[in-house]
C-alpha atoms as a PDB file:
ATOM      1  CA  TYR A   1      -0.002   0.005   0.003  1.00  0.00           C
ATOM      2  CA  THR A   2       1.602   3.265  -1.161  1.00  0.00           C
ATOM      3  CA  HIS A   3      -0.730   5.621   0.693  1.00  0.00           C
ATOM      4  CA  PHE A   4      -1.496   4.449   4.190  1.00  0.00           C
ATOM      5  CA  ASP A   5      -3.888   7.327   4.771  1.00  0.00           C
ATOM      6  CA  GLU A   6      -6.178   5.810   2.100  1.00  0.00           C
ATOM      7  CA  LEU A   7      -6.479   2.398   3.785  1.00  0.00           C
ATOM      8  CA  SER A   8      -9.868   1.047   4.819  1.00  0.00           C
ATOM      9  CA  VAL A   9     -10.384  -0.632   8.167  1.00  0.00           C
ATOM     10  CA  ASP A  10     -10.384  -4.149   6.742  1.00  0.00           C
ATOM     11  CA  GLN A  11      -7.139  -3.446   4.770  1.00  0.00           C
ATOM     12  CA  ALA A  12      -5.379  -2.078   7.920  1.00  0.00           C
ATOM     13  CA  VAL A  13      -6.601  -5.011   9.932  1.00  0.00           C
ATOM     14  CA  GLN A  14      -5.353  -7.475   7.295  1.00  0.00           C
ATOM     15  CA  ILE A  15      -1.874  -5.807   7.339  1.00  0.00           C
ATOM     16  CA  THR A  16      -1.851  -6.105  11.088  1.00  0.00           C
ATOM     17  CA  ALA A  17      -2.733  -9.818  10.855  1.00  0.00           C
ATOM     18  CA  ASP A  18      -0.034 -10.376   8.220  1.00  0.00           C
ATOM     19  CA  ILE A  19       2.658  -8.830  10.465  1.00  0.00           C
ATOM     20  CA  SER A  20       1.459 -10.854  13.412  1.00  0.00           C
ATOM     21  CA  ALA A  21       1.675 -14.064  11.323  1.00  0.00           C
ATOM     22  CA  LEU A  22       5.100 -13.110  10.197  1.00  0.00           C
ATOM     23  CA  GLN A  23       6.208 -12.525  13.772  1.00  0.00           C
ATOM     24  CA  SER A  24       4.937 -15.894  14.933  1.00  0.00           C
ATOM     25  CA  ALA A  25       6.829 -17.571  12.113  1.00  0.00           C
ATOM     26  CA  LEU A  26      10.157 -15.801  12.664  1.00  0.00           C
ATOM     27  CA  PRO A  27      11.661 -18.269  15.233  1.00  0.00           C
ATOM     28  CA  ARG A  28      11.018 -21.343  13.065  1.00  0.00           C
ATOM     29  CA  MET A  29      12.114 -19.457   9.918  1.00  0.00           C
ATOM     30  CA  PHE A  30      15.418 -18.330  11.579  1.00  0.00           C
ATOM     31  CA  GLY A  31      16.025 -21.759  12.973  1.00  0.00           C
ATOM     32  CA  THR A  32      15.471 -23.458   9.531  1.00  0.00           C
ATOM     33  CA  ILE A  33      17.807 -20.959   7.862  1.00  0.00           C
ATOM     34  CA  MET A  34      20.533 -21.375  10.430  1.00  0.00           C
ATOM     35  CA  ARG A  35      20.329 -25.202  10.387  1.00  0.00           C
ATOM     36  CA  GLY A  36      20.494 -25.121   6.626  1.00  0.00           C
ATOM     37  CA  LEU A  37      23.609 -22.863   6.619  1.00  0.00           C
ATOM     38  CA  CYS A  38      25.307 -25.196   9.042  1.00  0.00           C
ATOM     39  CA  HIS A  39      24.240 -28.309   7.086  1.00  0.00           C
ATOM     40  CA  ILE A  40      25.785 -27.109   3.761  1.00  0.00           C
ATOM     41  CA  GLY A  41      28.961 -25.963   5.509  1.00  0.00           C
ATOM     42  CA  LEU A  42      28.565 -22.237   5.185  1.00  0.00           C
ATOM     43  CA  VAL A  43      29.201 -21.751   8.901  1.00  0.00           C
ATOM     44  CA  LYS A  44      32.575 -22.734  10.202  1.00  0.00           C
ATOM     45  CA  SER A  45      32.553 -25.154  13.196  1.00  0.00           C
ATOM     46  CA  ASP A  46      34.514 -22.797  15.369  1.00  0.00           C
ATOM     47  CA  LEU A  47      32.011 -19.979  14.629  1.00  0.00           C
ATOM     48  CA  VAL A  48      28.769 -21.819  15.232  1.00  0.00           C
ATOM     49  CA  ASP A  49      28.103 -20.379  18.714  1.00  0.00           C
ATOM     50  CA  GLU A  50      28.966 -16.854  17.590  1.00  0.00           C
ATOM     51  CA  THR A  51      26.768 -17.154  14.483  1.00  0.00           C
ATOM     52  CA  PHE A  52      23.792 -18.408  16.454  1.00  0.00           C
ATOM     53  CA  GLU A  53      24.209 -15.593  18.981  1.00  0.00           C
ATOM     54  CA  TYR A  54      24.190 -13.126  16.150  1.00  0.00           C
ATOM     55  CA  ALA A  55      21.134 -14.769  14.645  1.00  0.00           C
ATOM     56  CA  GLU A  56      19.459 -14.507  18.104  1.00  0.00           C
ATOM     57  CA  SER A  57      20.117 -10.841  18.292  1.00  0.00           C
ATOM     58  CA  VAL A  58      18.725 -10.326  14.795  1.00  0.00           C
ATOM     59  CA  LEU A  59      15.619 -12.296  15.669  1.00  0.00           C
ATOM     60  CA  LYS A  60      15.086 -10.074  18.775  1.00  0.00           C
ATOM     61  CA  GLY A  61      15.400  -6.984  16.569  1.00  0.00           C
ATOM     62  CA  ALA A  62      12.888  -8.408  14.047  1.00  0.00           C
ATOM     63  CA  ASN A  63      10.482  -9.144  16.852  1.00  0.00           C
ATOM     64  CA  LYS A  64      10.710  -5.577  18.143  1.00  0.00           C
ATOM     65  CA  SER A  65      10.196  -4.229  14.657  1.00  0.00           C
ATOM     66  CA  CYS A  66       7.093  -6.396  14.293  1.00  0.00           C
ATOM     67  CA  ASP A  67       5.732  -5.189  17.669  1.00  0.00           C
ATOM     68  CA  LYS A  68       6.312  -1.604  16.652  1.00  0.00           C
ATOM     69  CA  GLN A  69       4.505  -2.111  13.302  1.00  0.00           C
ATOM     70  CA  VAL A  70       1.557  -3.898  14.937  1.00  0.00           C
ATOM     71  CA  ALA A  71       1.280  -1.018  17.338  1.00  0.00           C
ATOM     72  CA  ASN A  72       1.386   1.491  14.519  1.00  0.00           C
ATOM     73  CA  MET A  73      -1.266  -0.375  12.564  1.00  0.00           C
ATOM     74  CA  TYR A  74      -3.488  -0.494  15.669  1.00  0.00           C
ATOM     75  CA  SER A  75      -3.224   3.262  15.890  1.00  0.00           C
ATOM     76  CA  SER A  76      -4.019   3.495  12.146  1.00  0.00           C
ATOM     77  CA  VAL A  77      -7.113   1.376  12.553  1.00  0.00           C
ATOM     78  CA  TYR A  78      -8.369   3.543  15.371  1.00  0.00           C
ATOM     79  CA  GLU A  79      -7.586   6.713  13.508  1.00  0.00           C
ATOM     80  CA  ILE A  80      -9.553   5.523  10.482  1.00  0.00           C
ATOM     81  CA  CYS A  81     -12.486   4.670  12.749  1.00  0.00           C
ATOM     82  CA  ARG A  82     -12.325   7.947  14.683  1.00  0.00           C
ATOM     83  CA  ASN A  83     -12.145  10.021  11.548  1.00  0.00           C
ATOM     84  CA  LYS A  84     -15.186   8.261  10.097  1.00  0.00           C
ATOM     85  CA  ILE A  85     -17.167   8.640  13.321  1.00  0.00           C
ATOM     86  CA  ASP A  86     -16.270  12.372  13.372  1.00  0.00           C
ATOM     87  CA  MET A  87     -17.401  12.695   9.805  1.00  0.00           C
ATOM     88  CA  LEU A  88     -20.768  11.067  10.575  1.00  0.00           C
ATOM     89  CA  ILE A  89     -21.283  13.235  13.627  1.00  0.00           C
ATOM     90  CA  ASP A  90     -20.324  16.431  11.872  1.00  0.00           C
ATOM     91  CA  PHE A  91     -22.459  15.639   8.852  1.00  0.00           C
ATOM     92  CA  SER A  92     -25.477  14.463  10.818  1.00  0.00           C
ATOM     93  CA  LEU A  93     -25.495  17.045  13.559  1.00  0.00           C
ATOM     94  CA  GLU A  94     -24.308  20.184  11.687  1.00  0.00           C
ATOM     95  CA  ASN A  95     -27.843  21.702  11.628  1.00  0.00           C
ATOM     96  CA  PHE A  96     -29.498  19.328  14.149  1.00  0.00           C
ATOM     97  CA  ALA A  97     -32.604  20.620  15.926  1.00  0.00           C
ATOM     98  CA  TRP A  98     -31.758  19.969  19.665  1.00  0.00           C
ATOM     99  CA  VAL A  99     -34.791  22.082  20.543  1.00  0.00           C
ATOM    100  CA  ALA A 100     -37.082  19.314  19.577  1.00  0.00           C
ATOM    101  CA  ARG A 101     -40.460  20.295  21.183  1.00  0.00           C
ATOM    102  CA  SER A 102     -41.678  16.696  20.731  1.00  0.00           C
ATOM    103  CA  VAL A 103     -40.654  13.222  21.787  1.00  0.00           C
ATOM    104  CA  ARG A 104     -39.442  10.613  19.347  1.00  0.00           C
ATOM    105  CA  ASP A 105     -40.204   6.896  19.700  1.00  0.00           C
ATOM    106  CA  SER A 106     -37.022   5.787  17.971  1.00  0.00           C
ATOM    107  CA  PRO A 107     -33.359   6.789  17.883  1.00  0.00           C
ATOM    108  CA  ASN A 108     -32.296   9.827  15.794  1.00  0.00           C
ATOM    109  CA  ALA A 109     -30.785   9.123  12.398  1.00  0.00           C
ATOM    110  CA  TYR A 110     -27.257  10.147  13.520  1.00  0.00           C
ATOM    111  CA  ALA A 111     -27.273   7.464  16.298  1.00  0.00           C
ATOM    112  CA  GLU A 112     -28.437   4.772  13.917  1.00  0.00           C
ATOM    113  CA  SER A 113     -25.785   5.687  11.326  1.00  0.00           C
ATOM    114  CA  ILE A 114     -22.997   5.618  13.974  1.00  0.00           C
ATOM    115  CA  VAL A 115     -24.105   2.322  15.346  1.00  0.00           C
ATOM    116  CA  GLU A 116     -24.363   0.791  11.842  1.00  0.00           C
ATOM    117  CA  TYR A 117     -20.853   1.989  11.030  1.00  0.00           C
ATOM    118  CA  MET A 118     -19.385   0.604  14.266  1.00  0.00           C
ATOM    119  CA  ARG A 119     -21.212  -2.729  13.767  1.00  0.00           C
ATOM    120  CA  SER A 120     -19.797  -3.184  10.259  1.00  0.00           C
ATOM    121  CA  THR A 121     -16.407  -2.046  11.397  1.00  0.00           C
ATOM    122  CA  PHE A 122     -16.127  -4.281  14.368  1.00  0.00           C
ATOM    123  CA  GLN A 123     -17.058  -7.260  12.126  1.00  0.00           C
ATOM    124  CA  CYS A 124     -13.735  -6.615  10.263  1.00  0.00           C
ATOM    125  CA  LEU A 125     -11.599  -6.968  13.347  1.00  0.00           C
ATOM    126  CA  GLY A 126     -11.674 -10.758  13.396  1.00  0.00           C
ATOM    127  CA  PRO A 127      -7.982 -11.277  12.403  1.00  0.00           C
ATOM    128  CA  MET A 128      -6.822  -9.103  15.302  1.00  0.00           C
ATOM    129  CA  ASP A 129      -6.090 -10.521  18.798  1.00  0.00           C
ATOM    130  CA  GLU A 130      -8.838 -10.397  21.413  1.00  0.00           C
ATOM    131  CA  GLY A 131      -7.224  -7.563  23.447  1.00  0.00           C
ATOM    132  CA  SER A 132      -6.793  -5.334  20.440  1.00  0.00           C
ATOM    133  CA  ARG A 133     -10.419  -6.018  19.290  1.00  0.00           C
ATOM    134  CA  ALA A 134     -11.721  -5.108  22.766  1.00  0.00           C
ATOM    135  CA  GLY A 135      -9.495  -2.066  22.908  1.00  0.00           C
ATOM    136  CA  LEU A 136     -10.902  -0.754  19.626  1.00  0.00           C
ATOM    137  CA  HIS A 137     -14.443  -1.332  20.761  1.00  0.00           C
ATOM    138  CA  PHE A 138     -13.819   0.762  23.881  1.00  0.00           C
ATOM    139  CA  SER A 139     -11.841   3.444  21.952  1.00  0.00           C
ATOM    140  CA  CYS A 140     -14.599   3.876  19.342  1.00  0.00           C
ATOM    141  CA  CYS A 141     -17.584   3.912  21.779  1.00  0.00           C
ATOM    142  CA  GLY A 142     -15.645   6.193  24.127  1.00  0.00           C
ATOM    143  CA  HIS A 143     -14.981   8.582  21.296  1.00  0.00           C
ATOM    144  CA  VAL A 144     -18.692   8.705  20.429  1.00  0.00           C
ATOM    145  CA  ALA A 145     -19.570   9.486  23.955  1.00  0.00           C
ATOM    146  CA  GLU A 146     -16.887  12.061  24.438  1.00  0.00           C
ATOM    147  CA  ARG A 147     -17.854  13.914  21.249  1.00  0.00           C
ATOM    148  CA  LEU A 148     -21.511  14.098  22.329  1.00  0.00           C
ATOM    149  CA  VAL A 149     -20.644  15.276  25.858  1.00  0.00           C
ATOM    150  CA  LYS A 150     -18.383  18.042  24.452  1.00  0.00           C
ATOM    151  CA  LEU A 151     -21.049  19.124  21.991  1.00  0.00           C
ATOM    152  CA  LEU A 152     -23.492  19.490  24.888  1.00  0.00           C
ATOM    153  CA  THR A 153     -21.198  21.183  27.290  1.00  0.00           C
ATOM    154  CA  ASP A 154     -18.504  23.128  25.393  1.00  0.00           C
ATOM    155  CA  PRO A 155     -19.217  26.871  25.301  1.00  0.00           C
ATOM    156  CA  VAL A 156     -20.093  28.604  22.037  1.00  0.00           C
ATOM    157  CA  ASP A 157     -17.760  31.535  22.256  1.00  0.00           C
ATOM    158  CA  GLU A 158     -15.563  33.387  19.816  1.00  0.00           C
ATOM    159  CA  LEU A 159     -12.639  31.114  20.452  1.00  0.00           C
ATOM    160  CA  GLU A 160     -14.824  28.091  19.733  1.00  0.00           C
ATOM    161  CA  ARG A 161     -16.134  29.676  16.596  1.00  0.00           C
ATOM    162  CA  ARG A 162     -12.570  30.163  15.422  1.00  0.00           C
ATOM    163  CA  ARG A 163     -11.818  26.494  16.168  1.00  0.00           C
ATOM    164  CA  VAL A 164     -14.906  25.400  14.290  1.00  0.00           C
ATOM    165  CA  SER A 165     -13.948  27.456  11.195  1.00  0.00           C
ATOM    166  CA  SER A 166     -10.916  25.094  10.781  1.00  0.00           C
ATOM    167  CA  GLY A 167     -13.093  21.981  10.889  1.00  0.00           C
ATOM    168  CA  GLY A 168     -15.737  20.258  12.934  1.00  0.00           C
ATOM    169  CA  ILE A 169     -19.070  21.611  14.103  1.00  0.00           C
ATOM    170  CA  ALA A 170     -20.028  24.139  16.802  1.00  0.00           C
ATOM    171  CA  PRO A 171     -21.232  22.938  20.152  1.00  0.00           C
ATOM    172  CA  VAL A 172     -24.917  22.821  20.892  1.00  0.00           C
ATOM    173  CA  SER A 173     -26.277  26.363  21.388  1.00  0.00           C
ATOM    174  CA  LYS A 174     -29.739  25.521  22.651  1.00  0.00           C
ATOM    175  CA  ILE A 175     -31.429  22.320  23.808  1.00  0.00           C
ATOM    176  CA  ASP A 176     -34.804  21.716  25.480  1.00  0.00           C
ATOM    177  CA  SER A 177     -36.275  18.981  27.597  1.00  0.00           C
ATOM    178  CA  PHE A 178     -37.554  17.099  24.522  1.00  0.00           C
ATOM    179  CA  GLY A 179     -34.080  17.240  23.092  1.00  0.00           C
ATOM    180  CA  PHE A 180     -32.702  15.505  26.206  1.00  0.00           C
ATOM    181  CA  ARG A 181     -35.521  12.992  26.126  1.00  0.00           C
ATOM    182  CA  ASN A 182     -34.672  12.101  22.501  1.00  0.00           C
ATOM    183  CA  LEU A 183     -30.952  11.990  23.468  1.00  0.00           C
ATOM    184  CA  ALA A 184     -31.830   9.421  26.166  1.00  0.00           C
ATOM    185  CA  ILE A 185     -33.351   7.180  23.477  1.00  0.00           C
ATOM    186  CA  ASP A 186     -30.183   7.548  21.398  1.00  0.00           C
ATOM    187  CA  ILE A 187     -28.059   6.634  24.436  1.00  0.00           C
ATOM    188  CA  ALA A 188     -30.183   3.581  25.075  1.00  0.00           C
ATOM    189  CA  HIS A 189     -29.595   2.634  21.380  1.00  0.00           C
ATOM    190  CA  PHE A 190     -25.767   2.954  21.877  1.00  0.00           C
ATOM    191  CA  GLU A 191     -25.943   0.854  25.057  1.00  0.00           C
ATOM    192  CA  ALA A 192     -28.006  -1.884  23.350  1.00  0.00           C
ATOM    193  CA  PHE A 193     -25.407  -2.044  20.585  1.00  0.00           C
ATOM    194  CA  ALA A 194     -22.581  -2.174  23.142  1.00  0.00           C
ATOM    195  CA  ASP A 195     -24.326  -5.078  24.872  1.00  0.00           C
ATOM    196  CA  SER A 196     -24.756  -6.879  21.531  1.00  0.00           C
ATOM    197  CA  THR A 197     -20.972  -6.967  20.829  1.00  0.00           C
ATOM    198  CA  GLY A 198     -20.339  -9.363  23.758  1.00  0.00           C
ATOM    199  CA  VAL A 199     -17.503  -7.055  25.030  1.00  0.00           C
ATOM    200  CA  GLY A 200     -17.936  -6.853  28.772  1.00  0.00           C
ATOM    201  CA  GLN A 201     -18.688  -3.448  30.291  1.00  0.00           C
ATOM    202  CA  LEU A 202     -18.591  -1.718  26.928  1.00  0.00           C
ATOM    203  CA  ARG A 203     -21.789   0.138  27.806  1.00  0.00           C
ATOM    204  CA  GLU A 204     -19.916   1.919  30.527  1.00  0.00           C
ATOM    205  CA  CYS A 205     -18.366   4.116  27.838  1.00  0.00           C
ATOM    206  CA  PHE A 206     -21.655   6.020  27.777  1.00  0.00           C
ATOM    207  CA  SER A 207     -22.020   6.331  31.544  1.00  0.00           C
ATOM    208  CA  GLU A 208     -21.122  10.029  31.746  1.00  0.00           C
ATOM    209  CA  LEU A 209     -23.391  10.944  28.808  1.00  0.00           C
ATOM    210  CA  LYS A 210     -26.207   8.860  30.207  1.00  0.00           C
ATOM    211  CA  CYS A 211     -25.746  10.385  33.615  1.00  0.00           C
ATOM    212  CA  LEU A 212     -25.937  13.935  32.295  1.00  0.00           C
ATOM    213  CA  ALA A 213     -29.050  13.258  30.173  1.00  0.00           C
ATOM    214  CA  ALA A 214     -30.781  11.311  32.963  1.00  0.00           C
ATOM    215  CA  ALA A 215     -30.142  14.114  35.506  1.00  0.00           C
ATOM    216  CA  LEU A 216     -31.518  16.746  33.177  1.00  0.00           C
ATOM    217  CA  LEU A 217     -34.725  14.620  32.778  1.00  0.00           C
ATOM    218  CA  ASP A 218     -35.070  13.803  36.510  1.00  0.00           C
ATOM    219  CA  ARG A 219     -38.000  15.708  38.068  1.00  0.00           C
ATOM    220  CA  ASP A 220     -36.080  15.652  41.306  1.00  0.00           C
ATOM    221  CA  LEU A 221     -33.143  17.536  39.863  1.00  0.00           C
ATOM    222  CA  PRO A 222     -34.091  20.968  41.314  1.00  0.00           C
ATOM    223  CA  VAL A 223     -34.049  19.388  44.759  1.00  0.00           C
ATOM    224  CA  LEU A 224     -30.859  17.329  44.084  1.00  0.00           C
ATOM    225  CA  LEU A 225     -28.992  20.466  43.051  1.00  0.00           C
ATOM    226  CA  LEU A 226     -29.432  22.117  46.468  1.00  0.00           C
ATOM    227  CA  PRO A 227     -26.199  22.254  48.471  1.00  0.00           C
ATOM    228  CA  ASP A 228     -27.633  20.200  51.306  1.00  0.00           C
ATOM    229  CA  ASN A 229     -28.352  17.283  48.912  1.00  0.00           C
ATOM    230  CA  TYR A 230     -24.848  16.837  47.637  1.00  0.00           C
ATOM    231  CA  GLN A 231     -24.515  13.231  48.972  1.00  0.00           C
ATOM    232  CA  ALA A 232     -27.878  12.211  47.617  1.00  0.00           C
ATOM    233  CA  ARG A 233     -26.965  13.685  44.204  1.00  0.00           C
ATOM    234  CA  ARG A 234     -23.547  11.885  44.135  1.00  0.00           C
ATOM    235  CA  LYS A 235     -25.200   8.640  45.134  1.00  0.00           C
ATOM    236  CA  LYS A 236     -27.860   8.812  42.399  1.00  0.00           C
ATOM    237  CA  TYR A 237     -25.555  10.352  39.732  1.00  0.00           C
ATOM    238  CA  PRO A 238     -21.970   9.426  40.479  1.00  0.00           C
ATOM    239  CA  PHE A 239     -20.704  10.653  37.093  1.00  0.00           C
ATOM    240  CA  LEU A 240     -22.472  13.945  37.182  1.00  0.00           C
ATOM    241  CA  SER A 241     -20.282  17.079  37.094  1.00  0.00           C
ATOM    242  CA  LEU A 242     -21.681  20.417  38.347  1.00  0.00           C
ATOM    243  CA  GLU A 243     -19.508  22.259  35.816  1.00  0.00           C
ATOM    244  CA  LYS A 244     -21.203  20.334  33.040  1.00  0.00           C
ATOM    245  CA  VAL A 245     -24.639  20.782  34.540  1.00  0.00           C
ATOM    246  CA  LEU A 246     -24.022  24.469  34.509  1.00  0.00           C
ATOM    247  CA  ALA A 247     -22.801  24.359  30.984  1.00  0.00           C
ATOM    248  CA  VAL A 248     -26.035  22.666  29.893  1.00  0.00           C
ATOM    249  CA  LEU A 249     -28.300  24.899  32.033  1.00  0.00           C
ATOM    250  CA  GLU A 250     -26.812  27.938  30.238  1.00  0.00           C
ATOM    251  CA  LYS A 251     -28.028  26.345  26.880  1.00  0.00           C
ATOM    252  CA  TYR A 252     -31.365  25.050  28.259  1.00  0.00           C
ATOM    253  CA  ALA A 253     -34.313  26.431  26.341  1.00  0.00           C
ATOM    254  CA  GLY A 254     -36.815  26.851  29.147  1.00  0.00           C
ATOM    255  CA  THR A 255     -40.455  25.960  28.518  1.00  0.00           C
ATOM    256  CA  GLY A 256     -43.193  28.611  28.645  1.00  0.00           C
ATOM    257  CA  ILE A 257     -45.963  27.953  31.105  1.00  0.00           C
ATOM    258  CA  GLY A 258     -48.424  27.490  28.271  1.00  0.00           C
ATOM    259  CA  GLU A 259     -46.228  25.003  26.481  1.00  0.00           C
ATOM    260  CA  LYS A 260     -45.580  23.190  29.732  1.00  0.00           C
ATOM    261  CA  LEU A 261     -49.252  22.809  30.542  1.00  0.00           C
ATOM    262  CA  MET A 262     -49.972  21.571  27.047  1.00  0.00           C
ATOM    263  CA  ALA A 263     -47.189  18.987  27.281  1.00  0.00           C
ATOM    264  CA  ARG A 264     -48.207  17.830  30.637  1.00  0.00           C
ATOM    265  CA  GLY A 265     -51.704  17.352  29.352  1.00  0.00           C
ATOM    266  CA  GLY A 266     -50.397  15.192  26.477  1.00  0.00           C
ATOM    267  CA  SER A 267     -48.939  11.794  26.561  1.00  0.00           C
ATOM    268  CA  VAL A 268     -47.926   9.942  29.806  1.00  0.00           C
ATOM    269  CA  GLY A 269     -44.359   9.972  28.511  1.00  0.00           C
ATOM    270  CA  ASN A 270     -44.313  13.807  28.587  1.00  0.00           C
ATOM    271  CA  ARG A 271     -45.336  13.793  32.230  1.00  0.00           C
ATOM    272  CA  GLU A 272     -42.476  11.518  33.184  1.00  0.00           C
ATOM    273  CA  PHE A 273     -39.564  13.863  32.748  1.00  0.00           C
ATOM    274  CA  LEU A 274     -38.407  17.312  33.927  1.00  0.00           C
ATOM    275  CA  MET A 275     -39.594  20.324  31.975  1.00  0.00           C
ATOM    276  CA  LEU A 276     -38.093  23.550  33.357  1.00  0.00           C
ATOM    277  CA  GLU A 277     -39.681  26.916  32.855  1.00  0.00           C
ATOM    278  CA  LYS A 278     -37.382  29.777  31.912  1.00  0.00           C
ATOM    279  CA  LYS A 279     -37.486  31.223  35.464  1.00  0.00           C
ATOM    280  CA  GLU A 280     -36.634  27.828  36.891  1.00  0.00           C
ATOM    281  CA  VAL A 281     -33.612  27.553  34.590  1.00  0.00           C
ATOM    282  CA  ILE A 282     -32.355  30.935  35.861  1.00  0.00           C
ATOM    283  CA  GLN A 283     -32.904  29.883  39.449  1.00  0.00           C
ATOM    284  CA  LEU A 284     -31.065  26.526  39.051  1.00  0.00           C
ATOM    285  CA  THR A 285     -28.258  28.263  37.179  1.00  0.00           C
ATOM    286  CA  LYS A 286     -27.711  30.595  40.202  1.00  0.00           C
ATOM    287  CA  ILE A 287     -27.771  27.664  42.625  1.00  0.00           C
ATOM    288  CA  VAL A 288     -25.095  25.761  40.689  1.00  0.00           C
ATOM    289  CA  LYS A 289     -22.895  28.903  40.234  1.00  0.00           C
ATOM    290  CA  LEU A 290     -22.923  29.552  43.956  1.00  0.00           C
ATOM    291  CA  GLN A 291     -21.855  25.990  44.765  1.00  0.00           C
ATOM    292  CA  LEU A 292     -19.074  26.130  42.189  1.00  0.00           C
ATOM    293  CA  GLY A 293     -17.974  29.490  43.489  1.00  0.00           C
ATOM    294  CA  SER A 294     -17.789  28.190  47.061  1.00  0.00           C
ATOM    295  CA  GLN A 295     -15.781  25.190  45.865  1.00  0.00           C
ATOM    296  CA  ASN A 296     -13.227  27.417  44.322  1.00  0.00           C
ATOM    297  CA  MET A 297     -12.702  29.630  47.321  1.00  0.00           C
END
């Protein structure tokens, strides 16, 4: 392959498997060559020990080179996967409506496309060893979760706009309770996929994202955010960061009282999750800022 940056996942995996196969064959190959050289008299009898010591050192060097190449190819596979995941996220969410105003009953298209890509990609990893396969599963799922958390919590400021201009998409600027409810459905889709792979604890990659979405949908959140309920909040949401809660609250599109009453009068599902009015968002934002301020003193 002349251009490694043009490799597909299955090609990179095959190269990795070829290098591993070569590495496993090296001891036997070196042994056969050395015995052959001795058998035909190309190695003098008084230099046999020295020659075999040299061959052993060359074999160790070849093994190290193979280890290095396998590690490089592992990084290449992950880079290919990460770039494709980034492309899917950027393309699917560039103009995504996070202020949804209604609840979906199925995952969003971006979540389905990411899962489908990871499913087809993971099926190509068969030639790799079990540890490498599991590592790539965790790396890819972890990258998906990290990107979504950053999109939700990164500030949309001038510095961020300059960064976005060089590639990628801007963080979410506004999101409402329905957006979080739909996100929770997407997260459940990611977790179901993780479970289907058979890789133990893979769903834990989405724990922080799930914790953030679940907390913002919890009707007890206003109470849990009070300073006196720190322990109860940590027990219920161990991965929840107040800094990220604040970042989300500053983007939260509060519901007007009319919208809230209409939604509450709708489906049972709408009555099961938190819907903050604009004044409630302001109040919770103040509560969280005070706690963060006291922690930094």
